[in-house]
N, C-alpha and C. Protein backbone atom coordinates (compact mmCIF):
# COMPACT_ATOMS: atom_id res chain seq x y z
N MET A 1 202.05 11.76 20.34
CA MET A 1 201.84 13.01 19.65
C MET A 1 202.36 14.14 20.52
N GLN A 2 203.09 15.01 19.91
CA GLN A 2 203.70 16.11 20.63
C GLN A 2 202.90 17.38 20.39
N LEU A 3 202.62 18.14 21.48
CA LEU A 3 201.87 19.39 21.38
C LEU A 3 202.77 20.49 20.86
N PRO A 4 202.20 21.42 20.08
CA PRO A 4 203.02 22.52 19.57
C PRO A 4 203.42 23.45 20.71
N GLU A 5 204.55 24.06 20.54
CA GLU A 5 205.04 25.01 21.55
C GLU A 5 204.23 26.31 21.45
N ILE A 6 203.83 26.84 22.59
CA ILE A 6 203.01 28.06 22.62
C ILE A 6 203.94 29.26 22.77
N PRO A 7 203.81 30.27 21.88
CA PRO A 7 204.63 31.48 21.99
C PRO A 7 204.04 32.41 23.05
N TRP A 8 204.42 32.19 24.30
CA TRP A 8 203.81 32.93 25.42
C TRP A 8 203.99 34.44 25.31
N ALA A 9 205.03 34.92 24.71
CA ALA A 9 205.22 36.37 24.56
C ALA A 9 204.13 36.95 23.65
N ALA A 10 203.77 36.24 22.60
CA ALA A 10 202.72 36.72 21.69
C ALA A 10 201.37 36.69 22.39
N VAL A 11 201.11 35.64 23.15
CA VAL A 11 199.83 35.54 23.88
C VAL A 11 199.73 36.66 24.90
N GLY A 12 200.81 36.93 25.62
CA GLY A 12 200.81 38.01 26.62
C GLY A 12 200.57 39.36 25.98
N GLY A 13 201.17 39.62 24.82
CA GLY A 13 200.95 40.90 24.12
C GLY A 13 199.52 41.04 23.66
N TRP A 14 198.94 39.95 23.16
CA TRP A 14 197.55 39.98 22.72
C TRP A 14 196.62 40.24 23.90
N ALA A 15 196.86 39.57 25.01
CA ALA A 15 196.02 39.74 26.20
C ALA A 15 196.13 41.17 26.75
N LEU A 16 197.33 41.71 26.75
CA LEU A 16 197.51 43.09 27.23
C LEU A 16 196.76 44.08 26.33
N ARG A 17 196.83 43.88 25.01
CA ARG A 17 196.09 44.76 24.10
C ARG A 17 194.58 44.63 24.32
N ALA A 18 194.10 43.42 24.52
CA ALA A 18 192.66 43.21 24.76
C ALA A 18 192.22 43.87 26.06
N LEU A 19 193.02 43.74 27.10
CA LEU A 19 192.69 44.38 28.38
C LEU A 19 192.71 45.90 28.26
N THR A 20 193.67 46.43 27.53
CA THR A 20 193.75 47.88 27.34
C THR A 20 192.52 48.39 26.59
N ARG A 21 192.12 47.66 25.52
CA ARG A 21 190.93 48.05 24.77
C ARG A 21 189.67 47.98 25.64
N ALA A 22 189.55 46.95 26.45
CA ALA A 22 188.39 46.81 27.33
C ALA A 22 188.35 47.93 28.37
N ARG A 23 189.49 48.27 28.93
CA ARG A 23 189.55 49.36 29.91
C ARG A 23 189.19 50.70 29.26
N THR A 24 189.71 50.95 28.07
CA THR A 24 189.39 52.19 27.34
C THR A 24 187.91 52.25 27.04
N TRP A 25 187.31 51.15 26.59
CA TRP A 25 185.88 51.11 26.30
C TRP A 25 185.07 51.37 27.56
N TRP A 26 185.44 50.77 28.67
CA TRP A 26 184.70 50.93 29.93
C TRP A 26 184.79 52.36 30.46
N ARG A 27 185.94 53.00 30.31
CA ARG A 27 186.15 54.35 30.85
C ARG A 27 185.68 55.47 29.92
N ARG A 28 185.37 55.18 28.67
CA ARG A 28 185.06 56.21 27.67
C ARG A 28 183.93 57.13 28.15
N ALA A 29 183.91 58.31 27.62
CA ALA A 29 182.83 59.25 27.91
C ALA A 29 181.55 58.73 27.25
N ARG A 30 180.44 58.81 27.98
CA ARG A 30 179.14 58.37 27.46
C ARG A 30 178.12 59.46 27.79
N LEU A 31 177.62 60.12 26.78
CA LEU A 31 176.68 61.22 26.98
C LEU A 31 175.24 60.71 27.03
N LYS A 32 174.47 61.29 27.94
CA LYS A 32 173.07 60.91 28.11
C LYS A 32 172.22 62.16 28.29
N ILE A 33 171.20 62.32 27.44
CA ILE A 33 170.22 63.40 27.59
C ILE A 33 169.13 62.89 28.52
N TYR A 34 168.71 63.73 29.44
CA TYR A 34 167.60 63.35 30.31
C TYR A 34 166.77 64.57 30.66
N PHE A 35 165.61 64.31 31.22
CA PHE A 35 164.66 65.36 31.55
C PHE A 35 164.53 65.44 33.07
N ASP A 36 164.69 66.63 33.61
CA ASP A 36 164.54 66.86 35.05
C ASP A 36 163.60 68.04 35.22
N PRO A 37 162.33 67.81 35.59
CA PRO A 37 161.37 68.91 35.71
C PRO A 37 161.84 70.03 36.63
N ALA A 38 162.61 69.71 37.65
CA ALA A 38 163.10 70.75 38.57
C ALA A 38 164.14 71.65 37.91
N GLU A 39 164.78 71.20 36.85
CA GLU A 39 165.81 71.98 36.18
C GLU A 39 165.36 72.52 34.81
N THR A 40 164.12 72.23 34.42
CA THR A 40 163.67 72.59 33.08
C THR A 40 163.34 74.06 32.93
N TYR A 41 162.63 74.64 33.87
CA TYR A 41 162.11 75.99 33.69
C TYR A 41 162.82 76.99 34.60
N HIS A 42 163.18 78.13 34.01
CA HIS A 42 163.75 79.23 34.78
C HIS A 42 163.18 80.53 34.25
N VAL A 43 162.80 81.41 35.18
CA VAL A 43 162.28 82.71 34.81
C VAL A 43 163.33 83.75 35.15
N ARG A 44 163.63 84.61 34.18
CA ARG A 44 164.59 85.70 34.39
C ARG A 44 164.34 86.80 33.37
N HIS A 45 164.98 87.93 33.58
CA HIS A 45 164.86 89.05 32.66
C HIS A 45 165.67 88.77 31.40
N VAL A 46 165.12 89.14 30.25
CA VAL A 46 165.76 88.90 28.96
C VAL A 46 166.31 90.23 28.46
N VAL A 47 167.62 90.36 28.48
CA VAL A 47 168.28 91.61 28.09
C VAL A 47 167.93 91.99 26.66
N ASP A 48 167.89 91.02 25.75
CA ASP A 48 167.60 91.30 24.34
C ASP A 48 166.17 91.78 24.09
N HIS A 49 165.32 91.71 25.10
CA HIS A 49 163.91 92.11 24.96
C HIS A 49 163.53 93.12 26.05
N ASN A 50 164.32 94.19 26.15
CA ASN A 50 164.06 95.29 27.09
C ASN A 50 163.86 94.83 28.53
N ASN A 51 164.59 93.82 28.93
CA ASN A 51 164.54 93.28 30.29
C ASN A 51 163.17 92.75 30.70
N GLN A 52 162.35 92.38 29.70
CA GLN A 52 161.06 91.74 30.00
C GLN A 52 161.33 90.38 30.64
N LEU A 53 160.39 89.88 31.42
CA LEU A 53 160.54 88.55 31.99
C LEU A 53 160.40 87.50 30.89
N GLY A 54 161.21 86.46 30.99
CA GLY A 54 161.16 85.36 30.04
C GLY A 54 161.18 84.03 30.78
N ARG A 55 160.61 83.02 30.15
CA ARG A 55 160.62 81.65 30.72
C ARG A 55 161.50 80.81 29.81
N PHE A 56 162.58 80.30 30.38
CA PHE A 56 163.55 79.50 29.64
C PHE A 56 163.30 78.02 29.90
N CYS A 57 163.37 77.22 28.84
CA CYS A 57 163.18 75.78 28.93
C CYS A 57 164.50 75.09 28.59
N HIS A 58 164.85 74.08 29.40
CA HIS A 58 166.13 73.38 29.24
C HIS A 58 165.91 71.87 29.19
N PHE A 59 166.94 71.18 28.76
CA PHE A 59 167.06 69.74 28.97
C PHE A 59 168.45 69.51 29.54
N MET A 60 168.66 68.35 30.12
CA MET A 60 169.90 68.07 30.84
C MET A 60 170.75 67.05 30.08
N VAL A 61 172.08 67.19 30.25
CA VAL A 61 173.04 66.25 29.66
C VAL A 61 174.01 65.84 30.75
N ARG A 62 174.27 64.54 30.81
CA ARG A 62 175.22 64.01 31.79
C ARG A 62 176.20 63.10 31.07
N ASN A 63 177.44 63.13 31.52
CA ASN A 63 178.47 62.22 31.04
C ASN A 63 178.51 61.05 32.02
N GLU A 64 178.05 59.88 31.58
CA GLU A 64 177.99 58.71 32.45
C GLU A 64 179.27 57.87 32.41
N GLY A 65 180.27 58.35 31.69
CA GLY A 65 181.54 57.62 31.60
C GLY A 65 182.52 58.07 32.67
N LYS A 66 183.75 57.61 32.56
CA LYS A 66 184.82 57.95 33.51
C LYS A 66 185.77 59.01 32.98
N GLU A 67 185.76 59.24 31.66
CA GLU A 67 186.63 60.23 31.03
C GLU A 67 185.84 61.50 30.75
N ILE A 68 186.53 62.62 30.63
CA ILE A 68 185.90 63.88 30.27
C ILE A 68 185.41 63.79 28.82
N ALA A 69 184.17 64.18 28.58
CA ALA A 69 183.64 64.25 27.21
C ALA A 69 184.12 65.58 26.61
N ARG A 70 184.87 65.50 25.54
CA ARG A 70 185.52 66.68 24.95
C ARG A 70 184.67 67.31 23.85
N GLN A 71 184.65 68.66 23.84
CA GLN A 71 184.03 69.44 22.78
C GLN A 71 182.58 69.01 22.50
N CYS A 72 181.78 68.96 23.56
CA CYS A 72 180.38 68.56 23.43
C CYS A 72 179.56 69.70 22.83
N ARG A 73 178.68 69.35 21.94
CA ARG A 73 177.78 70.35 21.36
C ARG A 73 176.37 69.78 21.37
N VAL A 74 175.42 70.70 21.49
CA VAL A 74 174.00 70.31 21.45
C VAL A 74 173.38 70.95 20.21
N ARG A 75 172.48 70.19 19.59
CA ARG A 75 171.88 70.68 18.35
C ARG A 75 170.39 70.36 18.31
N LEU A 76 169.67 71.25 17.68
CA LEU A 76 168.26 71.07 17.39
C LEU A 76 168.20 70.40 16.03
N MET A 77 167.74 69.16 15.99
CA MET A 77 167.79 68.38 14.76
C MET A 77 166.51 68.47 13.94
N ALA A 78 165.36 68.65 14.61
CA ALA A 78 164.09 68.70 13.89
C ALA A 78 163.07 69.46 14.71
N VAL A 79 162.21 70.18 14.02
CA VAL A 79 161.05 70.83 14.63
C VAL A 79 159.85 70.50 13.76
N SER A 80 158.83 69.93 14.38
CA SER A 80 157.58 69.62 13.68
C SER A 80 156.43 70.25 14.43
N ALA A 81 155.45 70.74 13.67
CA ALA A 81 154.22 71.26 14.27
C ALA A 81 153.32 70.06 14.56
N LEU A 82 152.69 70.06 15.73
CA LEU A 82 151.77 68.99 16.09
C LEU A 82 150.39 69.37 15.56
N THR A 83 149.85 68.54 14.68
CA THR A 83 148.54 68.78 14.08
C THR A 83 147.62 67.61 14.42
N PRO A 84 146.32 67.72 14.18
CA PRO A 84 145.41 66.59 14.42
C PRO A 84 145.80 65.34 13.61
N ASP A 85 146.49 65.54 12.50
CA ASP A 85 146.93 64.41 11.67
C ASP A 85 148.32 63.91 12.04
N GLY A 86 148.91 64.47 13.10
CA GLY A 86 150.24 64.07 13.52
C GLY A 86 151.26 65.17 13.25
N PRO A 87 152.52 64.92 13.59
CA PRO A 87 153.56 65.94 13.38
C PRO A 87 153.84 66.16 11.89
N VAL A 88 154.00 67.44 11.52
CA VAL A 88 154.42 67.80 10.16
C VAL A 88 155.61 68.75 10.28
N PRO A 89 156.60 68.64 9.40
CA PRO A 89 157.78 69.51 9.51
C PRO A 89 157.38 70.99 9.55
N ALA A 90 157.99 71.72 10.48
CA ALA A 90 157.72 73.15 10.62
C ALA A 90 158.30 73.90 9.43
N ALA A 91 157.49 74.78 8.86
CA ALA A 91 157.92 75.55 7.70
C ALA A 91 159.09 76.45 8.06
N GLY A 92 160.09 76.45 7.20
CA GLY A 92 161.23 77.35 7.37
C GLY A 92 162.33 76.84 8.28
N PHE A 93 162.11 75.71 8.97
CA PHE A 93 163.17 75.20 9.84
C PHE A 93 164.14 74.36 9.03
N VAL A 94 165.41 74.67 9.14
CA VAL A 94 166.47 73.93 8.47
C VAL A 94 167.38 73.34 9.56
N ALA A 95 167.53 72.04 9.56
CA ALA A 95 168.33 71.38 10.59
C ALA A 95 169.69 71.02 10.03
N PRO A 96 170.65 70.79 10.86
CA PRO A 96 170.62 71.01 12.31
C PRO A 96 170.98 72.46 12.65
N ARG A 97 170.54 72.89 13.81
CA ARG A 97 170.85 74.23 14.34
C ARG A 97 171.52 74.04 15.69
N THR A 98 172.61 74.72 15.91
CA THR A 98 173.33 74.63 17.18
C THR A 98 172.51 75.29 18.28
N LEU A 99 172.42 74.60 19.42
CA LEU A 99 171.80 75.17 20.61
C LEU A 99 172.91 75.64 21.55
N LYS A 100 172.53 76.40 22.56
CA LYS A 100 173.49 76.99 23.48
C LYS A 100 173.49 76.24 24.80
N TRP A 101 174.67 76.06 25.37
CA TRP A 101 174.75 75.55 26.74
C TRP A 101 174.27 76.67 27.66
N ALA A 102 173.47 76.33 28.65
CA ALA A 102 172.92 77.33 29.56
C ALA A 102 174.04 78.04 30.31
N HIS A 103 173.83 79.31 30.56
CA HIS A 103 174.74 80.16 31.33
C HIS A 103 176.11 80.34 30.68
N GLU A 104 176.18 80.17 29.38
CA GLU A 104 177.42 80.39 28.63
C GLU A 104 177.21 81.59 27.70
N PRO A 105 178.25 82.35 27.41
CA PRO A 105 178.08 83.57 26.60
C PRO A 105 178.00 83.31 25.09
N ASP A 106 178.28 82.07 24.65
CA ASP A 106 178.35 81.79 23.22
C ASP A 106 177.80 80.40 22.93
N TRP A 107 177.91 79.98 21.68
CA TRP A 107 177.39 78.68 21.25
C TRP A 107 178.52 77.67 21.04
N ASP A 108 179.68 77.92 21.61
CA ASP A 108 180.83 77.04 21.42
C ASP A 108 180.66 75.72 22.16
N PRO A 109 181.31 74.64 21.67
CA PRO A 109 181.29 73.36 22.38
C PRO A 109 181.95 73.49 23.75
N ARG A 110 181.56 72.62 24.67
CA ARG A 110 182.10 72.61 26.02
C ARG A 110 182.44 71.18 26.42
N ASP A 111 183.43 71.04 27.31
CA ASP A 111 183.76 69.74 27.89
C ASP A 111 182.77 69.44 29.01
N ILE A 112 182.47 68.15 29.22
CA ILE A 112 181.58 67.73 30.30
C ILE A 112 182.32 66.71 31.16
N GLU A 113 182.49 67.06 32.43
CA GLU A 113 183.13 66.16 33.40
C GLU A 113 182.21 64.97 33.68
N PRO A 114 182.76 63.84 34.12
CA PRO A 114 181.93 62.70 34.49
C PRO A 114 180.99 63.07 35.65
N ASP A 115 179.75 62.63 35.54
CA ASP A 115 178.72 62.79 36.58
C ASP A 115 178.45 64.24 36.97
N VAL A 116 178.77 65.19 36.11
CA VAL A 116 178.45 66.60 36.37
C VAL A 116 177.40 67.01 35.33
N PRO A 117 176.13 67.17 35.74
CA PRO A 117 175.10 67.51 34.76
C PRO A 117 175.30 68.90 34.18
N ARG A 118 174.96 69.03 32.89
CA ARG A 118 174.99 70.33 32.20
C ARG A 118 173.60 70.61 31.67
N ARG A 119 173.17 71.84 31.79
CA ARG A 119 171.87 72.27 31.28
C ARG A 119 172.08 72.87 29.89
N ALA A 120 171.22 72.47 28.95
CA ALA A 120 171.26 73.03 27.60
C ALA A 120 169.99 73.86 27.38
N ASP A 121 170.15 75.04 26.80
CA ASP A 121 169.01 75.90 26.48
C ASP A 121 168.28 75.31 25.28
N LEU A 122 166.97 75.16 25.41
CA LEU A 122 166.16 74.67 24.29
C LEU A 122 165.38 75.81 23.66
N CYS A 123 164.52 76.45 24.44
CA CYS A 123 163.69 77.53 23.90
C CYS A 123 163.29 78.47 25.02
N TYR A 124 162.68 79.60 24.64
CA TYR A 124 162.18 80.52 25.66
C TYR A 124 161.03 81.33 25.09
N THR A 125 160.28 81.93 26.02
CA THR A 125 159.20 82.84 25.67
C THR A 125 159.40 84.11 26.48
N VAL A 126 158.83 85.21 26.01
CA VAL A 126 159.02 86.51 26.66
C VAL A 126 157.65 87.14 26.90
N ASP A 127 157.51 87.76 28.07
CA ASP A 127 156.27 88.45 28.43
C ASP A 127 155.94 89.49 27.36
N GLY A 128 154.72 89.40 26.82
CA GLY A 128 154.26 90.38 25.83
C GLY A 128 154.61 90.04 24.40
N ILE A 129 155.35 88.97 24.18
CA ILE A 129 155.73 88.57 22.81
C ILE A 129 155.24 87.14 22.61
N PRO A 130 154.15 86.93 21.89
CA PRO A 130 153.53 85.59 21.81
C PRO A 130 154.19 84.65 20.79
N VAL A 131 155.51 84.48 20.92
CA VAL A 131 156.22 83.54 20.05
C VAL A 131 157.13 82.65 20.88
N LEU A 132 157.43 81.49 20.33
CA LEU A 132 158.36 80.53 20.93
C LEU A 132 159.68 80.69 20.20
N ILE A 133 160.76 80.92 20.95
CA ILE A 133 162.07 81.20 20.35
C ILE A 133 163.04 80.09 20.74
N PHE A 134 163.63 79.44 19.75
CA PHE A 134 164.65 78.44 20.03
C PHE A 134 165.99 79.13 20.17
N PHE A 135 166.79 78.64 21.12
CA PHE A 135 168.03 79.30 21.50
C PHE A 135 169.16 78.91 20.57
N THR A 136 169.13 79.47 19.35
CA THR A 136 170.14 79.19 18.33
C THR A 136 170.86 80.49 17.99
N PRO A 137 172.04 80.42 17.37
CA PRO A 137 172.72 81.65 16.98
C PRO A 137 171.92 82.40 15.92
N PRO A 138 172.30 83.65 15.64
CA PRO A 138 171.58 84.41 14.61
C PRO A 138 171.44 83.60 13.33
N GLN A 139 170.25 83.67 12.73
CA GLN A 139 169.92 82.82 11.59
C GLN A 139 170.18 83.50 10.26
N PRO A 140 170.60 82.74 9.27
CA PRO A 140 170.65 83.30 7.91
C PRO A 140 169.23 83.58 7.42
N SER A 141 169.10 84.41 6.46
CA SER A 141 167.79 84.78 5.93
C SER A 141 167.00 83.55 5.50
N GLY A 142 165.74 83.49 5.93
CA GLY A 142 164.85 82.40 5.54
C GLY A 142 164.85 81.22 6.49
N VAL A 143 165.80 81.14 7.42
CA VAL A 143 165.84 80.03 8.37
C VAL A 143 165.01 80.43 9.58
N GLN A 144 164.04 79.60 9.92
CA GLN A 144 163.09 79.94 10.98
C GLN A 144 163.40 79.20 12.28
N THR A 145 163.56 79.93 13.37
CA THR A 145 163.65 79.32 14.70
C THR A 145 162.78 80.09 15.70
N ILE A 146 161.85 80.88 15.18
CA ILE A 146 160.85 81.58 16.00
C ILE A 146 159.49 81.14 15.47
N PHE A 147 158.65 80.60 16.38
CA PHE A 147 157.39 80.02 15.95
C PHE A 147 156.22 80.60 16.74
N PRO A 148 155.03 80.65 16.12
CA PRO A 148 153.86 81.14 16.82
C PRO A 148 153.37 80.13 17.86
N ALA A 149 152.38 80.54 18.64
CA ALA A 149 151.79 79.64 19.63
C ALA A 149 151.34 78.36 18.94
N GLY A 150 151.44 77.26 19.67
CA GLY A 150 151.04 75.96 19.11
C GLY A 150 151.77 74.85 19.82
N GLY A 151 151.62 73.66 19.28
CA GLY A 151 152.32 72.49 19.80
C GLY A 151 153.40 72.08 18.83
N TYR A 152 154.55 71.70 19.38
CA TYR A 152 155.69 71.33 18.54
C TYR A 152 156.36 70.07 19.08
N ARG A 153 156.91 69.29 18.19
CA ARG A 153 157.74 68.14 18.56
C ARG A 153 159.14 68.45 18.06
N VAL A 154 160.11 68.35 18.97
CA VAL A 154 161.50 68.65 18.61
C VAL A 154 162.38 67.45 18.92
N ARG A 155 163.43 67.33 18.13
CA ARG A 155 164.44 66.29 18.38
C ARG A 155 165.76 67.01 18.61
N VAL A 156 166.44 66.65 19.70
CA VAL A 156 167.73 67.25 20.03
C VAL A 156 168.80 66.17 20.07
N ARG A 157 170.03 66.60 19.86
CA ARG A 157 171.17 65.66 19.87
C ARG A 157 172.32 66.31 20.62
N VAL A 158 173.06 65.49 21.35
CA VAL A 158 174.32 65.91 21.95
C VAL A 158 175.39 64.96 21.44
N ASP A 159 176.56 65.50 21.12
CA ASP A 159 177.67 64.65 20.70
C ASP A 159 178.97 65.29 21.14
N SER A 160 180.03 64.51 21.07
CA SER A 160 181.35 65.00 21.46
C SER A 160 182.41 64.32 20.61
N GLU A 161 183.64 64.81 20.76
CA GLU A 161 184.76 64.20 20.02
C GLU A 161 185.01 62.77 20.47
N ASN A 162 184.77 62.48 21.74
CA ASN A 162 185.15 61.17 22.28
C ASN A 162 184.05 60.47 23.05
N GLY A 163 182.82 60.97 23.03
CA GLY A 163 181.79 60.39 23.89
C GLY A 163 180.55 59.89 23.21
N GLY A 164 180.64 59.63 21.94
CA GLY A 164 179.44 59.16 21.26
C GLY A 164 178.40 60.25 21.18
N ARG A 165 177.12 59.84 21.10
CA ARG A 165 176.06 60.82 21.03
C ARG A 165 174.79 60.24 21.62
N ASP A 166 173.84 61.13 21.88
CA ASP A 166 172.53 60.72 22.36
C ASP A 166 171.50 61.67 21.75
N GLU A 167 170.29 61.17 21.56
CA GLU A 167 169.21 61.99 21.05
C GLU A 167 167.99 61.84 21.95
N ALA A 168 167.16 62.87 21.96
CA ALA A 168 165.91 62.84 22.71
C ALA A 168 164.87 63.63 21.94
N THR A 169 163.61 63.29 22.18
CA THR A 169 162.49 63.98 21.55
C THR A 169 161.60 64.56 22.63
N TYR A 170 161.15 65.80 22.41
CA TYR A 170 160.29 66.49 23.37
C TYR A 170 159.11 67.11 22.65
N ASP A 171 157.96 67.14 23.32
CA ASP A 171 156.82 67.92 22.86
C ASP A 171 156.80 69.22 23.63
N ILE A 172 156.56 70.31 22.93
CA ILE A 172 156.49 71.64 23.54
C ILE A 172 155.08 72.18 23.30
N ALA A 173 154.42 72.59 24.38
CA ALA A 173 153.09 73.20 24.27
C ALA A 173 153.21 74.67 24.64
N PHE A 174 152.69 75.53 23.77
CA PHE A 174 152.76 76.97 24.00
C PHE A 174 151.47 77.60 23.50
N ASP A 175 150.69 78.17 24.43
CA ASP A 175 149.40 78.76 24.06
C ASP A 175 149.48 80.26 23.79
N GLY A 176 150.69 80.82 23.76
CA GLY A 176 150.87 82.25 23.51
C GLY A 176 151.11 83.05 24.77
N THR A 177 150.88 82.45 25.93
CA THR A 177 151.13 83.12 27.20
C THR A 177 152.50 82.66 27.69
N TRP A 178 153.41 83.59 27.92
CA TRP A 178 154.80 83.26 28.18
C TRP A 178 155.00 82.32 29.36
N GLN A 179 154.16 82.40 30.39
CA GLN A 179 154.36 81.56 31.58
C GLN A 179 153.92 80.12 31.39
N THR A 180 153.20 79.82 30.32
CA THR A 180 152.61 78.49 30.19
C THR A 180 153.35 77.54 29.27
N VAL A 181 154.44 77.95 28.69
CA VAL A 181 155.18 77.03 27.82
C VAL A 181 155.59 75.82 28.65
N SER A 182 155.42 74.61 28.09
CA SER A 182 155.79 73.40 28.81
C SER A 182 156.49 72.41 27.87
N VAL A 183 157.36 71.63 28.47
CA VAL A 183 158.15 70.64 27.73
C VAL A 183 157.86 69.28 28.33
N THR A 184 157.60 68.29 27.46
CA THR A 184 157.31 66.93 27.90
C THR A 184 158.16 65.95 27.08
N PRO A 185 158.88 65.06 27.74
CA PRO A 185 159.64 64.05 26.97
C PRO A 185 158.71 63.11 26.21
N VAL A 186 159.10 62.73 25.01
CA VAL A 186 158.38 61.73 24.23
C VAL A 186 159.14 60.43 24.39
N LEU A 187 158.48 59.45 24.91
CA LEU A 187 159.17 58.17 25.17
C LEU A 187 159.04 57.20 24.05
């Protein structure tokens, strides 16, 4: 019995394509949301509120891949009020709402280099103003992103053109005193 002749050029082309796909998959941008208590809270003057002191709350995003994650955006996907019966959707909140990258002048997407963490603005409170404000662009009429004191559960998402996406859930506790707002990851 004679064995069939193997077309080595076709096998080599297939193997090269498979190796190229594997290398591309391994190097791709991979976004990861994480919580770092040392990077979560910052106190500074809020220009939009007569330079009153404000407490800003953040979450962190890292690109765990080898390629630059292009056009990354962060969004607030859900806000629920925490009640004794469990979370209930917050009245007036319409998702998704774009969040702002920290220390940026606008809400535009940004590239994220590999292993360079980026801070995303989640919410803030201001001295003398007993409300929790989510860091979203100006809202159309009827869309709510300012909430009274209370407990809230929020879901955030980060995505990019080439890096997939990640989501995280956080509980926010706010008793109406601007210095006491706290963020806790929900596992």
